[in-house]
Amino acid sequence: MNKIQAQTLLESADAVATADVVNQFGHYDDDSKEHGDVYWRAFVHKLAEKAPNWKLPDLMALAHS
């Protein structure tokens, strides 16, 4: 995986996770623990699905290198 792929994957996971929260609650409240829990489950699931051998800190380091 290269830097652009890592950036794209993180952006895609963010978009999917945000959409999941909005679908469940009608909006996304950054301060809501419940919304945050749903967001992180979806975000991590998307990363695990697309990059099973990568850890989040490693993807973030690559994306921001």
PDB file of N, CA and C in Angstrom:
ATOM      1  N   MET A   1       0.852  -1.164   0.000  1.00  0.00           N
ATOM      2  CA  MET A   1       0.000   0.000   0.000  1.00  0.00           C
ATOM      3  C   MET A   1       0.904   1.235   0.000  1.00  0.00           C
ATOM      4  N   ASN A   2       0.482   2.243  -0.751  1.00  0.00           N
ATOM      5  CA  ASN A   2       1.252   3.483  -0.779  1.00  0.00           C
ATOM      6  C   ASN A   2       0.477   4.589  -0.042  1.00  0.00           C
ATOM      7  N   LYS A   3       1.078   5.765   0.013  1.00  0.00           N
ATOM      8  CA  LYS A   3       0.500   6.891   0.751  1.00  0.00           C
ATOM      9  C   LYS A   3      -0.895   7.251   0.243  1.00  0.00           C
ATOM     10  N   ILE A   4      -1.061   7.344  -1.059  1.00  0.00           N
ATOM     11  CA  ILE A   4      -2.352   7.717  -1.644  1.00  0.00           C
ATOM     12  C   ILE A   4      -3.419   6.668  -1.318  1.00  0.00           C
ATOM     13  N   GLN A   5      -3.063   5.411  -1.397  1.00  0.00           N
ATOM     14  CA  GLN A   5      -4.010   4.345  -1.076  1.00  0.00           C
ATOM     15  C   GLN A   5      -4.428   4.404   0.393  1.00  0.00           C
ATOM     16  N   ALA A   6      -3.469   4.672   1.268  1.00  0.00           N
ATOM     17  CA  ALA A   6      -3.770   4.776   2.699  1.00  0.00           C
ATOM     18  C   ALA A   6      -4.696   5.963   2.957  1.00  0.00           C
ATOM     19  N   GLN A   7      -4.421   7.095   2.335  1.00  0.00           N
ATOM     20  CA  GLN A   7      -5.275   8.273   2.492  1.00  0.00           C
ATOM     21  C   GLN A   7      -6.685   7.982   1.997  1.00  0.00           C
ATOM     22  N   THR A   8      -6.786   7.355   0.847  1.00  0.00           N
ATOM     23  CA  THR A   8      -8.088   7.033   0.270  1.00  0.00           C
ATOM     24  C   THR A   8      -8.859   6.070   1.156  1.00  0.00           C
ATOM     25  N   LEU A   9      -8.178   5.071   1.690  1.00  0.00           N
ATOM     26  CA  LEU A   9      -8.831   4.107   2.566  1.00  0.00           C
ATOM     27  C   LEU A   9      -9.352   4.782   3.840  1.00  0.00           C
ATOM     28  N   LEU A  10      -8.546   5.637   4.449  1.00  0.00           N
ATOM     29  CA  LEU A  10      -8.978   6.331   5.661  1.00  0.00           C
ATOM     30  C   LEU A  10     -10.166   7.253   5.376  1.00  0.00           C
ATOM     31  N   GLU A  11     -10.124   7.950   4.254  1.00  0.00           N
ATOM     32  CA  GLU A  11     -11.240   8.830   3.879  1.00  0.00           C
ATOM     33  C   GLU A  11     -12.501   8.028   3.608  1.00  0.00           C
ATOM     34  N   SER A  12     -12.349   6.904   2.945  1.00  0.00           N
ATOM     35  CA  SER A  12     -13.487   6.040   2.641  1.00  0.00           C
ATOM     36  C   SER A  12     -14.087   5.464   3.923  1.00  0.00           C
ATOM     37  N   ALA A  13     -13.236   5.000   4.817  1.00  0.00           N
ATOM     38  CA  ALA A  13     -13.717   4.452   6.093  1.00  0.00           C
ATOM     39  C   ALA A  13     -14.445   5.526   6.893  1.00  0.00           C
ATOM     40  N   ASP A  14     -13.926   6.757   6.869  1.00  0.00           N
ATOM     41  CA  ASP A  14     -14.584   7.865   7.562  1.00  0.00           C
ATOM     42  C   ASP A  14     -15.958   8.131   6.963  1.00  0.00           C
ATOM     43  N   ALA A  15     -16.049   8.152   5.651  1.00  0.00           N
ATOM     44  CA  ALA A  15     -17.321   8.421   4.983  1.00  0.00           C
ATOM     45  C   ALA A  15     -18.346   7.329   5.294  1.00  0.00           C
ATOM     46  N   VAL A  16     -17.920   6.079   5.255  1.00  0.00           N
ATOM     47  CA  VAL A  16     -18.825   4.959   5.544  1.00  0.00           C
ATOM     48  C   VAL A  16     -19.294   5.026   6.993  1.00  0.00           C
ATOM     49  N   ALA A  17     -18.370   5.288   7.900  1.00  0.00           N
ATOM     50  CA  ALA A  17     -18.714   5.344   9.318  1.00  0.00           C
ATOM     51  C   ALA A  17     -19.675   6.500   9.608  1.00  0.00           C
ATOM     52  N   THR A  18     -19.404   7.642   9.018  1.00  0.00           N
ATOM     53  CA  THR A  18     -20.288   8.795   9.200  1.00  0.00           C
ATOM     54  C   THR A  18     -21.678   8.494   8.653  1.00  0.00           C
ATOM     55  N   ALA A  19     -21.729   7.871   7.487  1.00  0.00           N
ATOM     56  CA  ALA A  19     -23.021   7.510   6.888  1.00  0.00           C
ATOM     57  C   ALA A  19     -23.780   6.524   7.775  1.00  0.00           C
ATOM     58  N   ASP A  20     -23.085   5.580   8.374  1.00  0.00           N
ATOM     59  CA  ASP A  20     -23.745   4.626   9.272  1.00  0.00           C
ATOM     60  C   ASP A  20     -24.395   5.347  10.450  1.00  0.00           C
ATOM     61  N   VAL A  21     -23.679   6.300  11.029  1.00  0.00           N
ATOM     62  CA  VAL A  21     -24.226   7.053  12.160  1.00  0.00           C
ATOM     63  C   VAL A  21     -25.457   7.846  11.718  1.00  0.00           C
ATOM     64  N   VAL A  22     -25.343   8.536  10.599  1.00  0.00           N
ATOM     65  CA  VAL A  22     -26.457   9.343  10.104  1.00  0.00           C
ATOM     66  C   VAL A  22     -27.661   8.452   9.781  1.00  0.00           C
ATOM     67  N   ASN A  23     -27.407   7.286   9.205  1.00  0.00           N
ATOM     68  CA  ASN A  23     -28.511   6.364   8.900  1.00  0.00           C
ATOM     69  C   ASN A  23     -29.226   5.906  10.163  1.00  0.00           C
ATOM     70  N   GLN A  24     -28.468   5.694  11.230  1.00  0.00           N
ATOM     71  CA  GLN A  24     -29.082   5.206  12.464  1.00  0.00           C
ATOM     72  C   GLN A  24     -29.763   6.301  13.273  1.00  0.00           C
ATOM     73  N   PHE A  25     -29.162   7.497  13.286  1.00  0.00           N
ATOM     74  CA  PHE A  25     -29.646   8.540  14.186  1.00  0.00           C
ATOM     75  C   PHE A  25     -30.226   9.769  13.489  1.00  0.00           C
ATOM     76  N   GLY A  26     -30.050   9.867  12.182  1.00  0.00           N
ATOM     77  CA  GLY A  26     -30.550  11.015  11.452  1.00  0.00           C
ATOM     78  C   GLY A  26     -29.590  12.185  11.413  1.00  0.00           C
ATOM     79  N   HIS A  27     -28.549  12.138  12.232  1.00  0.00           N
ATOM     80  CA  HIS A  27     -27.512  13.156  12.266  1.00  0.00           C
ATOM     81  C   HIS A  27     -26.295  12.574  12.978  1.00  0.00           C
ATOM     82  N   TYR A  28     -25.189  13.303  12.942  1.00  0.00           N
ATOM     83  CA  TYR A  28     -23.975  12.854  13.619  1.00  0.00           C
ATOM     84  C   TYR A  28     -23.549  13.909  14.614  1.00  0.00           C
ATOM     85  N   ASP A  29     -23.579  13.551  15.880  1.00  0.00           N
ATOM     86  CA  ASP A  29     -23.193  14.443  16.966  1.00  0.00           C
ATOM     87  C   ASP A  29     -21.819  14.007  17.468  1.00  0.00           C
ATOM     88  N   ASP A  30     -20.806  14.828  17.219  1.00  0.00           N
ATOM     89  CA  ASP A  30     -19.438  14.504  17.635  1.00  0.00           C
ATOM     90  C   ASP A  30     -19.305  14.297  19.143  1.00  0.00           C
ATOM     91  N   ASP A  31     -20.192  14.893  19.906  1.00  0.00           N
ATOM     92  CA  ASP A  31     -20.107  14.805  21.367  1.00  0.00           C
ATOM     93  C   ASP A  31     -20.867  13.623  21.955  1.00  0.00           C
ATOM     94  N   SER A  32     -21.568  12.878  21.125  1.00  0.00           N
ATOM     95  CA  SER A  32     -22.367  11.754  21.602  1.00  0.00           C
ATOM     96  C   SER A  32     -21.517  10.482  21.682  1.00  0.00           C
ATOM     97  N   LYS A  33     -21.465   9.878  22.866  1.00  0.00           N
ATOM     98  CA  LYS A  33     -20.735   8.620  23.025  1.00  0.00           C
ATOM     99  C   LYS A  33     -21.371   7.524  22.168  1.00  0.00           C
ATOM    100  N   GLU A  34     -22.683   7.498  22.134  1.00  0.00           N
ATOM    101  CA  GLU A  34     -23.391   6.482  21.345  1.00  0.00           C
ATOM    102  C   GLU A  34     -23.056   6.625  19.856  1.00  0.00           C
ATOM    103  N   HIS A  35     -23.047   7.836  19.354  1.00  0.00           N
ATOM    104  CA  HIS A  35     -22.692   8.069  17.952  1.00  0.00           C
ATOM    105  C   HIS A  35     -21.239   7.684  17.714  1.00  0.00           C
ATOM    106  N   GLY A  36     -20.370   8.038  18.659  1.00  0.00           N
ATOM    107  CA  GLY A  36     -18.955   7.698  18.538  1.00  0.00           C
ATOM    108  C   GLY A  36     -18.722   6.193  18.504  1.00  0.00           C
ATOM    109  N   ASP A  37     -19.456   5.470  19.330  1.00  0.00           N
ATOM    110  CA  ASP A  37     -19.324   4.009  19.346  1.00  0.00           C
ATOM    111  C   ASP A  37     -19.710   3.399  18.000  1.00  0.00           C
ATOM    112  N   VAL A  38     -20.816   3.864  17.445  1.00  0.00           N
ATOM    113  CA  VAL A  38     -21.261   3.368  16.138  1.00  0.00           C
ATOM    114  C   VAL A  38     -20.236   3.738  15.073  1.00  0.00           C
ATOM    115  N   TYR A  39     -19.760   4.983  15.116  1.00  0.00           N
ATOM    116  CA  TYR A  39     -18.755   5.448  14.149  1.00  0.00           C
ATOM    117  C   TYR A  39     -17.519   4.558  14.192  1.00  0.00           C
ATOM    118  N   TRP A  40     -16.950   4.337  15.385  1.00  0.00           N
ATOM    119  CA  TRP A  40     -15.699   3.571  15.477  1.00  0.00           C
ATOM    120  C   TRP A  40     -15.864   2.117  15.073  1.00  0.00           C
ATOM    121  N   ARG A  41     -17.004   1.528  15.405  1.00  0.00           N
ATOM    122  CA  ARG A  41     -17.233   0.136  14.961  1.00  0.00           C
ATOM    123  C   ARG A  41     -17.238   0.059  13.437  1.00  0.00           C
ATOM    124  N   ALA A  42     -17.939   0.984  12.794  1.00  0.00           N
ATOM    125  CA  ALA A  42     -18.007   0.984  11.328  1.00  0.00           C
ATOM    126  C   ALA A  42     -16.648   1.312  10.720  1.00  0.00           C
ATOM    127  N   PHE A  43     -15.949   2.284  11.294  1.00  0.00           N
ATOM    128  CA  PHE A  43     -14.648   2.703  10.788  1.00  0.00           C
ATOM    129  C   PHE A  43     -13.644   1.555  10.853  1.00  0.00           C
ATOM    130  N   VAL A  44     -13.548   0.932  12.007  1.00  0.00           N
ATOM    131  CA  VAL A  44     -12.599  -0.181  12.185  1.00  0.00           C
ATOM    132  C   VAL A  44     -12.986  -1.372  11.317  1.00  0.00           C
ATOM    133  N   HIS A  45     -14.280  -1.636  11.194  1.00  0.00           N
ATOM    134  CA  HIS A  45     -14.731  -2.747  10.342  1.00  0.00           C
ATOM    135  C   HIS A  45     -14.302  -2.522   8.888  1.00  0.00           C
ATOM    136  N   LYS A  46     -14.485  -1.302   8.395  1.00  0.00           N
ATOM    137  CA  LYS A  46     -14.097  -0.977   7.018  1.00  0.00           C
ATOM    138  C   LYS A  46     -12.593  -1.156   6.824  1.00  0.00           C
ATOM    139  N   LEU A  47     -11.796  -0.699   7.770  1.00  0.00           N
ATOM    140  CA  LEU A  47     -10.343  -0.862   7.664  1.00  0.00           C
ATOM    141  C   LEU A  47      -9.959  -2.334   7.692  1.00  0.00           C
ATOM    142  N   ALA A  48     -10.560  -3.094   8.593  1.00  0.00           N
ATOM    143  CA  ALA A  48     -10.244  -4.523   8.696  1.00  0.00           C
ATOM    144  C   ALA A  48     -10.632  -5.275   7.429  1.00  0.00           C
ATOM    145  N   GLU A  49     -11.704  -4.839   6.815  1.00  0.00           N
ATOM    146  CA  GLU A  49     -12.184  -5.465   5.587  1.00  0.00           C
ATOM    147  C   GLU A  49     -11.229  -5.196   4.420  1.00  0.00           C
ATOM    148  N   LYS A  50     -10.759  -3.959   4.314  1.00  0.00           N
ATOM    149  CA  LYS A  50      -9.949  -3.547   3.164  1.00  0.00           C
ATOM    150  C   LYS A  50      -8.444  -3.703   3.375  1.00  0.00           C
ATOM    151  N   ALA A  51      -7.997  -3.692   4.627  1.00  0.00           N
ATOM    152  CA  ALA A  51      -6.566  -3.791   4.913  1.00  0.00           C
ATOM    153  C   ALA A  51      -6.355  -4.644   6.166  1.00  0.00           C
ATOM    154  N   PRO A  52      -6.650  -5.937   6.053  1.00  0.00           N
ATOM    155  CA  PRO A  52      -6.634  -6.797   7.252  1.00  0.00           C
ATOM    156  C   PRO A  52      -5.269  -6.923   7.929  1.00  0.00           C
ATOM    157  N   ASN A  53      -4.204  -6.678   7.212  1.00  0.00           N
ATOM    158  CA  ASN A  53      -2.874  -6.838   7.795  1.00  0.00           C
ATOM    159  C   ASN A  53      -2.281  -5.535   8.319  1.00  0.00           C
ATOM    160  N   TRP A  54      -3.066  -4.479   8.315  1.00  0.00           N
ATOM    161  CA  TRP A  54      -2.592  -3.163   8.749  1.00  0.00           C
ATOM    162  C   TRP A  54      -3.250  -2.775  10.061  1.00  0.00           C
ATOM    163  N   LYS A  55      -2.499  -2.055  10.877  1.00  0.00           N
ATOM    164  CA  LYS A  55      -3.032  -1.479  12.109  1.00  0.00           C
ATOM    165  C   LYS A  55      -3.278   0.006  11.857  1.00  0.00           C
ATOM    166  N   LEU A  56      -4.261   0.563  12.533  1.00  0.00           N
ATOM    167  CA  LEU A  56      -4.639   1.955  12.326  1.00  0.00           C
ATOM    168  C   LEU A  56      -3.451   2.917  12.476  1.00  0.00           C
ATOM    169  N   PRO A  57      -2.630   2.798  13.520  1.00  0.00           N
ATOM    170  CA  PRO A  57      -1.494   3.740  13.613  1.00  0.00           C
ATOM    171  C   PRO A  57      -0.545   3.665  12.418  1.00  0.00           C
ATOM    172  N   ASP A  58      -0.358   2.466  11.885  1.00  0.00           N
ATOM    173  CA  ASP A  58       0.520   2.304  10.725  1.00  0.00           C
ATOM    174  C   ASP A  58      -0.093   2.937   9.479  1.00  0.00           C
ATOM    175  N   LEU A  59      -1.404   2.757   9.298  1.00  0.00           N
ATOM    176  CA  LEU A  59      -2.080   3.386   8.160  1.00  0.00           C
ATOM    177  C   LEU A  59      -2.030   4.902   8.264  1.00  0.00           C
ATOM    178  N   MET A  60      -2.254   5.412   9.455  1.00  0.00           N
ATOM    179  CA  MET A  60      -2.231   6.862   9.642  1.00  0.00           C
ATOM    180  C   MET A  60      -0.820   7.431   9.414  1.00  0.00           C
ATOM    181  N   ALA A  61       0.177   6.707   9.897  1.00  0.00           N
ATOM    182  CA  ALA A  61       1.557   7.158   9.682  1.00  0.00           C
ATOM    183  C   ALA A  61       1.886   7.189   8.191  1.00  0.00           C
ATOM    184  N   LEU A  62       1.478   6.181   7.470  1.00  0.00           N
ATOM    185  CA  LEU A  62       1.730   6.135   6.032  1.00  0.00           C
ATOM    186  C   LEU A  62       0.959   7.259   5.324  1.00  0.00           C
ATOM    187  N   ALA A  63      -0.291   7.445   5.685  1.00  0.00           N
ATOM    188  CA  ALA A  63      -1.124   8.463   5.032  1.00  0.00           C
ATOM    189  C   ALA A  63      -0.591   9.878   5.275  1.00  0.00           C
ATOM    190  N   HIS A  64       0.059  10.071   6.394  1.00  0.00           N
ATOM    191  CA  HIS A  64       0.553  11.411   6.741  1.00  0.00           C
ATOM    192  C   HIS A  64       2.056  11.551   6.578  1.00  0.00           C
ATOM    193  N   SER A  65       2.645  10.614   5.861  1.00  0.00           N
ATOM    194  CA  SER A  65       4.114  10.685   5.666  1.00  0.00           C
ATOM    195  C   SER A  65       4.480  11.637   4.534  1.00  0.00           C
TER     196      SER A  65
END
